[in-house]
Amino acid sequence: MRRVLVTGGAGFIGLSLARALSFDGIAVDLVDNFSRGKSDAELAAVTARPGVRCLTLDLRREGATDALDDNYDAIFHFAALLGVANVIGRPYETLALNVQLTVEALRLARRQKRLSCFLFASTSEVYAGSLLAGHLRFPTPEDAILSLPPLVEPRTSYMLSKLYGEALVRHAGVPGVIVRPHNVYGPRMGLEHVIPELMKRMRTASPGAALPIYSADHSRTFCYIDDAVALIRALAGNPDAEGGAWNVGCEEPEYKILDVAELIRRVLGAPAVLEPAAATAGSPTRRCPSMARTRALTGYQCAVSLEDGVARTYDWYARTVFSVEG
């Protein structure tokens, strides 16, 4: 690859990917409308690198990409409305906007002259209906039968928008690669994910006070951002990945949320007393991807442990977020 474009480029995964690509001398155009992406010191540092530029562009507008070039080697499509609070509060917008964003990104992809990869960021939420139906295997392979959860549930809107996006990519006539990220975490991801959210709550907890841990017995595997970016790059650069859907995450170890909270408490040295609490509405009881296919294709194995990743994440939040908030 010589030149790539990243939609949602000011977001968590998009900017991390752009940083890694730029260090290999690849020219990167970041596209974002900054409705969720942040214009901060991290973005400034990446765009200061040779060959990297940031374009303010709203993919919600039909024809927004018409002014962009037609000589990209790869397009990474991360732009989306996401986050549990947004999805539950804005289900219609989630469906409409995410489909609209993908259609516009594919319009750009379809007129490229040398495109070797259109990478679409789907979601592990596509497996949620199968889990509710009771026929999901663990670790979960990509060929699992996908069932729809109740359409009246607002949270279903996000997974539907991503499933529709997967179908669009498969039928768009582009070299499509679909990735399904599983619990990717790390610096600059916001405060809505369980790991930074627990960090913030523990910092402000009174010594000896009970800190409720919601969905304490639910289990997850976690993938640090550096590992996720390495997997995404390996898939995008492998022609054998074209036409398939690929899990991106770590297969093991699997942690209960209460165990994650205890690990975070140890890293922070927080005085809080952890107390299991009710499950968060709509939270999957278990999420664990099979990485067999992705690992066989890429040869990549996740390298960052949860303890190491939590320590790195907390160091960043302590310096750039929590110190500012006081």
C-alpha atoms as a PDB file:
ATOM      1  CA  MET A   1       0.000   0.000   0.000  1.00  0.00           C
ATOM      2  CA  ARG A   2       1.196   3.485  -0.858  1.00  0.00           C
ATOM      3  CA  ARG A   3      -1.863   5.572  -0.071  1.00  0.00           C
ATOM      4  CA  VAL A   4      -4.917   4.897   2.100  1.00  0.00           C
ATOM      5  CA  LEU A   5      -7.991   6.670   3.410  1.00  0.00           C
ATOM      6  CA  VAL A   6      -9.490   6.129   6.860  1.00  0.00           C
ATOM      7  CA  THR A   7     -13.070   7.216   7.575  1.00  0.00           C
ATOM      8  CA  GLY A   8     -13.754   8.031  11.208  1.00  0.00           C
ATOM      9  CA  GLY A   9     -10.064   8.833  11.207  1.00  0.00           C
ATOM     10  CA  ALA A  10     -10.175  11.018  14.308  1.00  0.00           C
ATOM     11  CA  GLY A  11     -11.730   8.186  16.315  1.00  0.00           C
ATOM     12  CA  PHE A  12     -10.169   5.599  18.597  1.00  0.00           C
ATOM     13  CA  ILE A  13      -9.248   2.775  16.212  1.00  0.00           C
ATOM     14  CA  GLY A  14      -9.015   4.945  13.092  1.00  0.00           C
ATOM     15  CA  LEU A  15      -6.336   7.242  14.472  1.00  0.00           C
ATOM     16  CA  SER A  16      -4.367   4.373  16.022  1.00  0.00           C
ATOM     17  CA  LEU A  17      -4.332   2.634  12.646  1.00  0.00           C
ATOM     18  CA  ALA A  18      -3.290   5.826  10.860  1.00  0.00           C
ATOM     19  CA  ARG A  19      -0.396   6.306  13.265  1.00  0.00           C
ATOM     20  CA  ALA A  20       0.883   2.786  12.633  1.00  0.00           C
ATOM     21  CA  LEU A  21       0.553   3.125   8.846  1.00  0.00           C
ATOM     22  CA  SER A  22       2.369   6.458   8.807  1.00  0.00           C
ATOM     23  CA  PHE A  23       5.376   4.977  10.600  1.00  0.00           C
ATOM     24  CA  ASP A  24       5.727   2.614   7.641  1.00  0.00           C
ATOM     25  CA  GLY A  25       5.797   5.520   5.204  1.00  0.00           C
ATOM     26  CA  ILE A  26       2.248   5.061   3.920  1.00  0.00           C
ATOM     27  CA  ALA A  27       0.402   8.257   2.990  1.00  0.00           C
ATOM     28  CA  VAL A  28      -2.829   8.516   4.985  1.00  0.00           C
ATOM     29  CA  ASP A  29      -5.897  10.713   4.534  1.00  0.00           C
ATOM     30  CA  LEU A  30      -8.082  10.885   7.636  1.00  0.00           C
ATOM     31  CA  VAL A  31     -11.739  11.773   7.080  1.00  0.00           C
ATOM     32  CA  ASP A  32     -14.011  12.824   9.932  1.00  0.00           C
ATOM     33  CA  ASN A  33     -16.915  15.188  10.600  1.00  0.00           C
ATOM     34  CA  PHE A  34     -15.894  15.510  14.281  1.00  0.00           C
ATOM     35  CA  SER A  35     -19.342  14.709  15.626  1.00  0.00           C
ATOM     36  CA  ARG A  36     -17.594  12.030  17.723  1.00  0.00           C
ATOM     37  CA  GLY A  37     -13.935  12.139  16.714  1.00  0.00           C
ATOM     38  CA  LYS A  38     -11.756  14.514  18.704  1.00  0.00           C
ATOM     39  CA  SER A  39      -9.414  17.240  17.530  1.00  0.00           C
ATOM     40  CA  ASP A  40      -6.790  16.859  20.237  1.00  0.00           C
ATOM     41  CA  ALA A  41      -3.050  16.588  20.793  1.00  0.00           C
ATOM     42  CA  GLU A  42      -3.043  12.966  19.623  1.00  0.00           C
ATOM     43  CA  LEU A  43      -4.631  13.888  16.308  1.00  0.00           C
ATOM     44  CA  ALA A  44      -2.253  16.836  15.911  1.00  0.00           C
ATOM     45  CA  ALA A  45       0.759  14.574  16.488  1.00  0.00           C
ATOM     46  CA  VAL A  46      -0.365  12.078  13.841  1.00  0.00           C
ATOM     47  CA  THR A  47      -1.264  14.715  11.245  1.00  0.00           C
ATOM     48  CA  ALA A  48       2.124  16.372  11.791  1.00  0.00           C
ATOM     49  CA  ARG A  49       3.776  13.263  10.369  1.00  0.00           C
ATOM     50  CA  PRO A  50       4.873  13.298   6.702  1.00  0.00           C
ATOM     51  CA  GLY A  51       2.152  12.171   4.311  1.00  0.00           C
ATOM     52  CA  VAL A  52      -0.725  12.395   6.805  1.00  0.00           C
ATOM     53  CA  ARG A  53      -3.550  14.878   6.459  1.00  0.00           C
ATOM     54  CA  CYS A  54      -6.961  15.292   8.065  1.00  0.00           C
ATOM     55  CA  LEU A  55      -9.986  16.253   5.974  1.00  0.00           C
ATOM     56  CA  THR A  56     -13.176  17.511   7.593  1.00  0.00           C
ATOM     57  CA  LEU A  57     -15.900  15.766   5.624  1.00  0.00           C
ATOM     58  CA  ASP A  58     -19.450  14.739   6.480  1.00  0.00           C
ATOM     59  CA  LEU A  59     -20.217  11.351   4.936  1.00  0.00           C
ATOM     60  CA  ARG A  60     -23.860  11.788   5.896  1.00  0.00           C
ATOM     61  CA  ARG A  61     -24.162  14.056   2.854  1.00  0.00           C
ATOM     62  CA  GLU A  62     -24.662  12.229  -0.428  1.00  0.00           C
ATOM     63  CA  GLY A  63     -21.821  13.077  -2.760  1.00  0.00           C
ATOM     64  CA  ALA A  64     -19.541  14.143   0.080  1.00  0.00           C
ATOM     65  CA  THR A  65     -16.710  11.994  -1.290  1.00  0.00           C
ATOM     66  CA  ASP A  66     -16.941  13.276  -4.862  1.00  0.00           C
ATOM     67  CA  ALA A  67     -14.074  15.709  -4.282  1.00  0.00           C
ATOM     68  CA  LEU A  68     -11.750  12.971  -3.012  1.00  0.00           C
ATOM     69  CA  ASP A  69      -9.129  11.275  -5.169  1.00  0.00           C
ATOM     70  CA  ASP A  70      -9.502   8.033  -7.114  1.00  0.00           C
ATOM     71  CA  ASN A  71      -6.031   6.603  -6.468  1.00  0.00           C
ATOM     72  CA  TYR A  72      -6.274   5.061  -2.992  1.00  0.00           C
ATOM     73  CA  ASP A  73      -4.827   1.591  -2.488  1.00  0.00           C
ATOM     74  CA  ALA A  74      -7.047   0.886   0.512  1.00  0.00           C
ATOM     75  CA  ILE A  75     -10.024   2.399   2.315  1.00  0.00           C
ATOM     76  CA  PHE A  76     -10.643   1.626   5.989  1.00  0.00           C
ATOM     77  CA  HIS A  77     -14.237   2.420   6.947  1.00  0.00           C
ATOM     78  CA  PHE A  78     -14.604   3.073  10.680  1.00  0.00           C
ATOM     79  CA  ALA A  79     -17.073   5.995  10.623  1.00  0.00           C
ATOM     80  CA  ALA A  80     -20.242   5.068  12.535  1.00  0.00           C
ATOM     81  CA  LEU A  81     -22.644   6.148  15.222  1.00  0.00           C
ATOM     82  CA  LEU A  82     -21.931   3.808  18.119  1.00  0.00           C
ATOM     83  CA  GLY A  83     -21.778   3.598  21.910  1.00  0.00           C
ATOM     84  CA  VAL A  84     -24.487   2.028  24.038  1.00  0.00           C
ATOM     85  CA  ALA A  85     -25.897   5.375  25.219  1.00  0.00           C
ATOM     86  CA  ASN A  86     -26.122   6.722  21.666  1.00  0.00           C
ATOM     87  CA  VAL A  87     -27.604   3.531  20.279  1.00  0.00           C
ATOM     88  CA  ILE A  88     -30.264   3.187  22.976  1.00  0.00           C
ATOM     89  CA  GLY A  89     -31.177   6.866  22.820  1.00  0.00           C
ATOM     90  CA  ARG A  90     -31.056   7.210  19.027  1.00  0.00           C
ATOM     91  CA  PRO A  91     -31.976   3.877  17.424  1.00  0.00           C
ATOM     92  CA  TYR A  92     -33.462   5.360  14.253  1.00  0.00           C
ATOM     93  CA  GLU A  93     -30.443   7.604  13.674  1.00  0.00           C
ATOM     94  CA  THR A  94     -28.139   4.666  14.339  1.00  0.00           C
ATOM     95  CA  LEU A  95     -29.776   2.613  11.615  1.00  0.00           C
ATOM     96  CA  ALA A  96     -30.142   5.423   9.096  1.00  0.00           C
ATOM     97  CA  LEU A  97     -26.783   7.124   9.592  1.00  0.00           C
ATOM     98  CA  ASN A  98     -24.622   4.004   9.700  1.00  0.00           C
ATOM     99  CA  VAL A  99     -26.122   2.715   6.454  1.00  0.00           C
ATOM    100  CA  GLN A 100     -25.772   6.161   4.886  1.00  0.00           C
ATOM    101  CA  LEU A 101     -22.121   6.426   5.933  1.00  0.00           C
ATOM    102  CA  THR A 102     -21.330   3.005   4.465  1.00  0.00           C
ATOM    103  CA  VAL A 103     -23.127   3.724   1.194  1.00  0.00           C
ATOM    104  CA  GLU A 104     -21.126   6.932   0.764  1.00  0.00           C
ATOM    105  CA  ALA A 105     -17.833   5.207   1.608  1.00  0.00           C
ATOM    106  CA  LEU A 106     -18.635   2.507  -0.944  1.00  0.00           C
ATOM    107  CA  ARG A 107     -19.435   5.146  -3.576  1.00  0.00           C
ATOM    108  CA  LEU A 108     -15.871   6.329  -3.131  1.00  0.00           C
ATOM    109  CA  ALA A 109     -14.492   2.796  -3.203  1.00  0.00           C
ATOM    110  CA  ARG A 110     -16.338   1.844  -6.395  1.00  0.00           C
ATOM    111  CA  ARG A 111     -14.642   4.588  -8.424  1.00  0.00           C
ATOM    112  CA  GLN A 112     -11.095   3.853  -7.291  1.00  0.00           C
ATOM    113  CA  LYS A 113      -8.622   2.838 -10.019  1.00  0.00           C
ATOM    114  CA  ARG A 114      -6.265   0.636  -7.994  1.00  0.00           C
ATOM    115  CA  LEU A 115      -8.125  -0.309  -4.807  1.00  0.00           C
ATOM    116  CA  SER A 116      -6.843  -3.523  -3.260  1.00  0.00           C
ATOM    117  CA  CYS A 117      -8.921  -3.487  -0.052  1.00  0.00           C
ATOM    118  CA  PHE A 118     -12.085  -1.922   1.342  1.00  0.00           C
ATOM    119  CA  LEU A 119     -12.010  -2.845   5.039  1.00  0.00           C
ATOM    120  CA  PHE A 120     -15.357  -2.532   6.815  1.00  0.00           C
ATOM    121  CA  ALA A 121     -15.500  -2.393  10.596  1.00  0.00           C
ATOM    122  CA  SER A 122     -18.520  -4.445  11.647  1.00  0.00           C
ATOM    123  CA  THR A 123     -19.089  -5.485  15.267  1.00  0.00           C
ATOM    124  CA  SER A 124     -19.193  -8.429  17.659  1.00  0.00           C
ATOM    125  CA  GLU A 125     -22.804  -7.378  18.295  1.00  0.00           C
ATOM    126  CA  VAL A 126     -23.791  -9.384  15.203  1.00  0.00           C
ATOM    127  CA  TYR A 127     -23.645 -12.470  17.469  1.00  0.00           C
ATOM    128  CA  ALA A 128     -26.006 -11.004  20.105  1.00  0.00           C
ATOM    129  CA  GLY A 129     -29.207 -12.531  18.716  1.00  0.00           C
ATOM    130  CA  SER A 130     -27.644 -15.982  18.511  1.00  0.00           C
ATOM    131  CA  LEU A 131     -26.587 -15.714  22.154  1.00  0.00           C
ATOM    132  CA  LEU A 132     -30.155 -14.843  23.165  1.00  0.00           C
ATOM    133  CA  ALA A 133     -31.478 -17.744  21.095  1.00  0.00           C
ATOM    134  CA  GLY A 134     -29.176 -20.119  22.980  1.00  0.00           C
ATOM    135  CA  HIS A 135     -27.293 -21.592  20.021  1.00  0.00           C
ATOM    136  CA  LEU A 136     -24.049 -19.623  20.060  1.00  0.00           C
ATOM    137  CA  ARG A 137     -20.825 -21.605  20.401  1.00  0.00           C
ATOM    138  CA  PHE A 138     -17.835 -20.420  22.432  1.00  0.00           C
ATOM    139  CA  PRO A 139     -15.290 -19.437  21.385  1.00  0.00           C
ATOM    140  CA  THR A 140     -17.504 -18.020  18.643  1.00  0.00           C
ATOM    141  CA  PRO A 141     -16.461 -18.670  15.017  1.00  0.00           C
ATOM    142  CA  GLU A 142     -17.292 -16.291  12.179  1.00  0.00           C
ATOM    143  CA  ASP A 143     -19.568 -18.869  10.518  1.00  0.00           C
ATOM    144  CA  ALA A 144     -21.913 -18.968  13.517  1.00  0.00           C
ATOM    145  CA  ILE A 145     -25.589 -18.842  12.522  1.00  0.00           C
ATOM    146  CA  LEU A 146     -26.708 -15.246  13.027  1.00  0.00           C
ATOM    147  CA  SER A 147     -30.127 -14.753  14.609  1.00  0.00           C
ATOM    148  CA  LEU A 148     -31.850 -11.416  15.053  1.00  0.00           C
ATOM    149  CA  PRO A 149     -32.681 -10.184  18.548  1.00  0.00           C
ATOM    150  CA  PRO A 150     -36.088  -8.462  18.995  1.00  0.00           C
ATOM    151  CA  LEU A 151     -36.338  -5.578  16.549  1.00  0.00           C
ATOM    152  CA  VAL A 152     -38.221  -3.469  19.092  1.00  0.00           C
ATOM    153  CA  GLU A 153     -35.113  -3.317  21.288  1.00  0.00           C
ATOM    154  CA  PRO A 154     -33.199  -0.075  20.560  1.00  0.00           C
ATOM    155  CA  ARG A 155     -29.851  -1.830  20.979  1.00  0.00           C
ATOM    156  CA  THR A 156     -30.694  -4.072  18.008  1.00  0.00           C
ATOM    157  CA  SER A 157     -30.407  -1.047  15.715  1.00  0.00           C
ATOM    158  CA  TYR A 158     -26.618  -1.009  15.858  1.00  0.00           C
ATOM    159  CA  MET A 159     -26.096  -4.651  14.998  1.00  0.00           C
ATOM    160  CA  LEU A 160     -28.663  -4.363  12.202  1.00  0.00           C
ATOM    161  CA  SER A 161     -26.852  -1.385  10.702  1.00  0.00           C
ATOM    162  CA  LYS A 162     -23.601  -3.365  10.741  1.00  0.00           C
ATOM    163  CA  LEU A 163     -25.152  -6.529   9.298  1.00  0.00           C
ATOM    164  CA  TYR A 164     -26.656  -4.453   6.500  1.00  0.00           C
ATOM    165  CA  GLY A 165     -23.232  -2.883   6.021  1.00  0.00           C
ATOM    166  CA  GLU A 166     -21.652  -6.328   5.727  1.00  0.00           C
ATOM    167  CA  ALA A 167     -24.180  -7.199   3.009  1.00  0.00           C
ATOM    168  CA  LEU A 168     -23.498  -3.932   1.162  1.00  0.00           C
ATOM    169  CA  VAL A 169     -19.764  -4.631   1.154  1.00  0.00           C
ATOM    170  CA  ARG A 170     -20.266  -8.175  -0.117  1.00  0.00           C
ATOM    171  CA  HIS A 171     -22.385  -6.987  -3.063  1.00  0.00           C
ATOM    172  CA  ALA A 172     -20.645  -3.705  -3.932  1.00  0.00           C
ATOM    173  CA  GLY A 173     -18.138  -5.208  -6.338  1.00  0.00           C
ATOM    174  CA  VAL A 174     -15.155  -4.045  -4.287  1.00  0.00           C
ATOM    175  CA  PRO A 175     -12.338  -6.101  -2.682  1.00  0.00           C
ATOM    176  CA  GLY A 176     -14.072  -6.189   0.677  1.00  0.00           C
ATOM    177  CA  VAL A 177     -12.688  -7.371   4.004  1.00  0.00           C
ATOM    178  CA  ILE A 178     -15.081  -7.420   6.979  1.00  0.00           C
ATOM    179  CA  VAL A 179     -13.723  -7.304  10.526  1.00  0.00           C
ATOM    180  CA  ARG A 180     -15.710  -7.904  13.710  1.00  0.00           C
ATOM    181  CA  PRO A 181     -13.838  -6.278  16.614  1.00  0.00           C
ATOM    182  CA  HIS A 182     -14.301  -7.778  20.101  1.00  0.00           C
ATOM    183  CA  ASN A 183     -13.803  -5.553  23.154  1.00  0.00           C
ATOM    184  CA  VAL A 184     -10.917  -3.509  21.830  1.00  0.00           C
ATOM    185  CA  TYR A 185      -9.651  -1.069  24.467  1.00  0.00           C
ATOM    186  CA  GLY A 186      -6.823   1.362  25.114  1.00  0.00           C
ATOM    187  CA  PRO A 187      -5.886   5.046  25.355  1.00  0.00           C
ATOM    188  CA  ARG A 188      -8.220   7.646  23.852  1.00  0.00           C
ATOM    189  CA  MET A 189     -11.305   5.444  23.585  1.00  0.00           C
ATOM    190  CA  GLY A 190     -13.563   7.722  25.638  1.00  0.00           C
ATOM    191  CA  LEU A 191     -15.120   6.901  28.995  1.00  0.00           C
ATOM    192  CA  GLU A 192     -18.065   4.717  27.957  1.00  0.00           C
ATOM    193  CA  HIS A 193     -16.156   1.425  27.671  1.00  0.00           C
ATOM    194  CA  VAL A 194     -16.076  -0.723  30.804  1.00  0.00           C
ATOM    195  CA  ILE A 195     -12.327  -0.318  31.420  1.00  0.00           C
ATOM    196  CA  PRO A 196     -11.979   3.502  31.426  1.00  0.00           C
ATOM    197  CA  GLU A 197     -15.412   3.822  33.041  1.00  0.00           C
ATOM    198  CA  LEU A 198     -14.292   1.640  35.964  1.00  0.00           C
ATOM    199  CA  MET A 199     -11.038   3.592  36.205  1.00  0.00           C
ATOM    200  CA  LYS A 200     -12.907   6.865  36.545  1.00  0.00           C
ATOM    201  CA  ARG A 201     -15.314   5.495  39.133  1.00  0.00           C
ATOM    202  CA  MET A 202     -12.517   4.009  41.227  1.00  0.00           C
ATOM    203  CA  ARG A 203     -10.556   7.265  41.240  1.00  0.00           C
ATOM    204  CA  THR A 204     -13.490   9.088  42.780  1.00  0.00           C
ATOM    205  CA  ALA A 205     -14.626   6.340  45.182  1.00  0.00           C
ATOM    206  CA  SER A 206     -14.364   7.117  48.885  1.00  0.00           C
ATOM    207  CA  PRO A 207     -11.979   4.877  50.880  1.00  0.00           C
ATOM    208  CA  GLY A 208     -13.827   1.785  52.076  1.00  0.00           C
ATOM    209  CA  ALA A 209     -16.996   2.686  50.178  1.00  0.00           C
ATOM    210  CA  ALA A 210     -18.814  -0.031  48.236  1.00  0.00           C
ATOM    211  CA  LEU A 211     -18.398   0.329  44.485  1.00  0.00           C
ATOM    212  CA  PRO A 212     -21.160  -1.470  42.535  1.00  0.00           C
ATOM    213  CA  ILE A 213     -19.869  -3.609  39.660  1.00  0.00           C
ATOM    214  CA  TYR A 214     -22.657  -4.112  37.151  1.00  0.00           C
ATOM    215  CA  SER A 215     -22.905  -7.344  35.131  1.00  0.00           C
ATOM    216  CA  ALA A 216     -20.264  -8.723  37.494  1.00  0.00           C
ATOM    217  CA  ASP A 217     -20.679 -12.351  36.401  1.00  0.00           C
ATOM    218  CA  HIS A 218     -20.696 -11.600  32.658  1.00  0.00           C
ATOM    219  CA  SER A 219     -17.495 -12.615  30.886  1.00  0.00           C
ATOM    220  CA  ARG A 220     -15.372 -11.095  28.133  1.00  0.00           C
ATOM    221  CA  THR A 221     -12.014 -11.370  26.439  1.00  0.00           C
ATOM    222  CA  PHE A 222     -10.222  -8.074  25.815  1.00  0.00           C
ATOM    223  CA  CYS A 223      -7.966  -6.932  22.987  1.00  0.00           C
ATOM    224  CA  TYR A 224      -5.510  -4.060  23.447  1.00  0.00           C
ATOM    225  CA  ILE A 225      -5.520  -1.495  20.642  1.00  0.00           C
ATOM    226  CA  ASP A 226      -1.984  -2.324  19.437  1.00  0.00           C
ATOM    227  CA  ASP A 227      -2.967  -5.960  18.912  1.00  0.00           C
ATOM    228  CA  ALA A 228      -6.190  -4.956  17.143  1.00  0.00           C
ATOM    229  CA  VAL A 229      -4.329  -2.629  14.767  1.00  0.00           C
ATOM    230  CA  ALA A 230      -1.781  -5.346  13.976  1.00  0.00           C
ATOM    231  CA  LEU A 231      -4.571  -7.798  13.154  1.00  0.00           C
ATOM    232  CA  ILE A 232      -6.452  -5.265  11.009  1.00  0.00           C
ATOM    233  CA  ARG A 233      -3.319  -4.408   9.045  1.00  0.00           C
ATOM    234  CA  ALA A 234      -2.486  -8.062   8.499  1.00  0.00           C
ATOM    235  CA  LEU A 235      -5.984  -8.769   7.182  1.00  0.00           C
ATOM    236  CA  ALA A 236      -6.034  -5.706   4.941  1.00  0.00           C
ATOM    237  CA  GLY A 237      -2.709  -6.687   3.420  1.00  0.00           C
ATOM    238  CA  ASN A 238      -3.645 -10.292   2.687  1.00  0.00           C
ATOM    239  CA  PRO A 239      -5.583 -10.974  -0.544  1.00  0.00           C
ATOM    240  CA  ASP A 240      -6.858 -14.234   0.949  1.00  0.00           C
ATOM    241  CA  ALA A 241      -8.892 -12.186   3.449  1.00  0.00           C
ATOM    242  CA  GLU A 242     -10.976 -10.682   0.648  1.00  0.00           C
ATOM    243  CA  GLY A 243     -14.654 -11.638   0.670  1.00  0.00           C
ATOM    244  CA  GLY A 244     -14.616 -12.915   4.245  1.00  0.00           C
ATOM    245  CA  ALA A 245     -15.654 -11.812   7.728  1.00  0.00           C
ATOM    246  CA  TRP A 246     -12.911 -12.034  10.366  1.00  0.00           C
ATOM    247  CA  ASN A 247     -12.971 -11.809  14.134  1.00  0.00           C
ATOM    248  CA  VAL A 248     -10.533  -9.288  15.591  1.00  0.00           C
ATOM    249  CA  GLY A 249      -9.823  -9.826  19.264  1.00  0.00           C
ATOM    250  CA  CYS A 250      -8.239 -12.205  21.740  1.00  0.00           C
ATOM    251  CA  GLU A 251      -9.568 -15.705  22.297  1.00  0.00           C
ATOM    252  CA  GLU A 252      -8.156 -16.003  25.802  1.00  0.00           C
ATOM    253  CA  PRO A 253      -8.012 -15.465  28.692  1.00  0.00           C
ATOM    254  CA  GLU A 254     -11.679 -14.878  29.440  1.00  0.00           C
ATOM    255  CA  TYR A 255     -12.494 -12.668  32.434  1.00  0.00           C
ATOM    256  CA  LYS A 256     -15.560 -12.057  34.554  1.00  0.00           C
ATOM    257  CA  ILE A 257     -16.319  -8.335  34.771  1.00  0.00           C
ATOM    258  CA  LEU A 258     -15.784  -8.551  38.533  1.00  0.00           C
ATOM    259  CA  ASP A 259     -12.281  -9.951  37.892  1.00  0.00           C
ATOM    260  CA  VAL A 260     -11.573  -7.095  35.479  1.00  0.00           C
ATOM    261  CA  ALA A 261     -12.682  -4.622  38.138  1.00  0.00           C
ATOM    262  CA  GLU A 262     -10.377  -6.247  40.687  1.00  0.00           C
ATOM    263  CA  LEU A 263      -7.445  -6.071  38.268  1.00  0.00           C
ATOM    264  CA  ILE A 264      -8.138  -2.367  37.654  1.00  0.00           C
ATOM    265  CA  ARG A 265      -8.417  -1.771  41.404  1.00  0.00           C
ATOM    266  CA  ARG A 266      -4.971  -3.317  41.890  1.00  0.00           C
ATOM    267  CA  VAL A 267      -3.394  -1.295  39.073  1.00  0.00           C
ATOM    268  CA  LEU A 268      -4.809   1.945  40.473  1.00  0.00           C
ATOM    269  CA  GLY A 269      -4.230   1.026  44.108  1.00  0.00           C
ATOM    270  CA  ALA A 270      -7.815   2.141  44.694  1.00  0.00           C
ATOM    271  CA  PRO A 271      -9.344   1.746  48.184  1.00  0.00           C
ATOM    272  CA  ALA A 272     -12.811   0.850  46.884  1.00  0.00           C
ATOM    273  CA  VAL A 273     -14.672  -2.279  48.007  1.00  0.00           C
ATOM    274  CA  LEU A 274     -16.101  -4.053  44.963  1.00  0.00           C
ATOM    275  CA  GLU A 275     -19.718  -5.138  45.231  1.00  0.00           C
ATOM    276  CA  PRO A 276     -21.490  -7.208  42.530  1.00  0.00           C
ATOM    277  CA  ALA A 277     -24.587  -5.432  41.215  1.00  0.00           C
ATOM    278  CA  ALA A 278     -27.396  -6.017  38.728  1.00  0.00           C
ATOM    279  CA  ALA A 279     -26.658  -6.701  35.085  1.00  0.00           C
ATOM    280  CA  THR A 280     -26.794  -3.796  32.660  1.00  0.00           C
ATOM    281  CA  ALA A 281     -29.826  -4.061  30.391  1.00  0.00           C
ATOM    282  CA  GLY A 282     -28.930  -5.688  27.075  1.00  0.00           C
ATOM    283  CA  SER A 283     -25.415  -6.649  28.138  1.00  0.00           C
ATOM    284  CA  PRO A 284     -24.377 -10.020  26.594  1.00  0.00           C
ATOM    285  CA  THR A 285     -23.649 -12.595  29.278  1.00  0.00           C
ATOM    286  CA  ARG A 286     -20.592 -13.812  27.397  1.00  0.00           C
ATOM    287  CA  ARG A 287     -18.415 -12.694  24.504  1.00  0.00           C
ATOM    288  CA  CYS A 288     -15.412 -14.676  23.338  1.00  0.00           C
ATOM    289  CA  PRO A 289     -14.306 -14.879  19.675  1.00  0.00           C
ATOM    290  CA  SER A 290     -12.682 -17.841  18.048  1.00  0.00           C
ATOM    291  CA  MET A 291      -9.486 -16.501  16.540  1.00  0.00           C
ATOM    292  CA  ALA A 292      -8.571 -19.722  14.749  1.00  0.00           C
ATOM    293  CA  ARG A 293      -9.279 -18.485  11.200  1.00  0.00           C
ATOM    294  CA  THR A 294      -7.731 -15.048  11.706  1.00  0.00           C
ATOM    295  CA  ARG A 295      -4.674 -16.532  13.394  1.00  0.00           C
ATOM    296  CA  ALA A 296      -4.219 -19.146  10.654  1.00  0.00           C
ATOM    297  CA  LEU A 297      -4.350 -16.456   7.958  1.00  0.00           C
ATOM    298  CA  THR A 298      -2.260 -13.752   9.632  1.00  0.00           C
ATOM    299  CA  GLY A 299       0.000 -15.763  11.920  1.00  0.00           C
ATOM    300  CA  TYR A 300      -0.562 -13.072  14.554  1.00  0.00           C
ATOM    301  CA  GLN A 301      -1.134 -13.825  18.243  1.00  0.00           C
ATOM    302  CA  CYS A 302      -2.225 -11.128  20.708  1.00  0.00           C
ATOM    303  CA  ALA A 303       0.838  -9.978  22.640  1.00  0.00           C
ATOM    304  CA  VAL A 304      -0.433  -7.501  25.270  1.00  0.00           C
ATOM    305  CA  SER A 305      -1.832  -8.967  28.484  1.00  0.00           C
ATOM    306  CA  LEU A 306      -4.865  -7.398  30.112  1.00  0.00           C
ATOM    307  CA  GLU A 307      -2.798  -6.257  33.100  1.00  0.00           C
ATOM    308  CA  ASP A 308      -0.219  -4.606  30.858  1.00  0.00           C
ATOM    309  CA  GLY A 309      -2.906  -3.066  28.659  1.00  0.00           C
ATOM    310  CA  VAL A 310      -4.824  -1.717  31.654  1.00  0.00           C
ATOM    311  CA  ALA A 311      -1.628  -0.169  33.040  1.00  0.00           C
ATOM    312  CA  ARG A 312      -0.861   1.510  29.695  1.00  0.00           C
ATOM    313  CA  THR A 313      -4.440   2.715  29.375  1.00  0.00           C
ATOM    314  CA  TYR A 314      -4.535   4.134  32.900  1.00  0.00           C
ATOM    315  CA  ASP A 315      -1.216   5.913  32.402  1.00  0.00           C
ATOM    316  CA  TRP A 316      -2.679   7.728  29.385  1.00  0.00           C
ATOM    317  CA  TYR A 317      -5.968   8.608  31.090  1.00  0.00           C
ATOM    318  CA  ALA A 318      -4.211   9.773  34.250  1.00  0.00           C
ATOM    319  CA  ARG A 319      -2.034  12.162  32.202  1.00  0.00           C
ATOM    320  CA  THR A 320      -4.513  13.464  29.653  1.00  0.00           C
ATOM    321  CA  VAL A 321      -8.045  13.075  31.045  1.00  0.00           C
ATOM    322  CA  PHE A 322      -8.237  12.587  34.796  1.00  0.00           C
ATOM    323  CA  SER A 323      -5.625  15.237  35.595  1.00  0.00           C
ATOM    324  CA  VAL A 324      -7.614  17.773  33.550  1.00  0.00           C
ATOM    325  CA  GLU A 325     -10.916  16.801  35.192  1.00  0.00           C
ATOM    326  CA  GLY A 326      -9.330  16.965  38.639  1.00  0.00           C
END
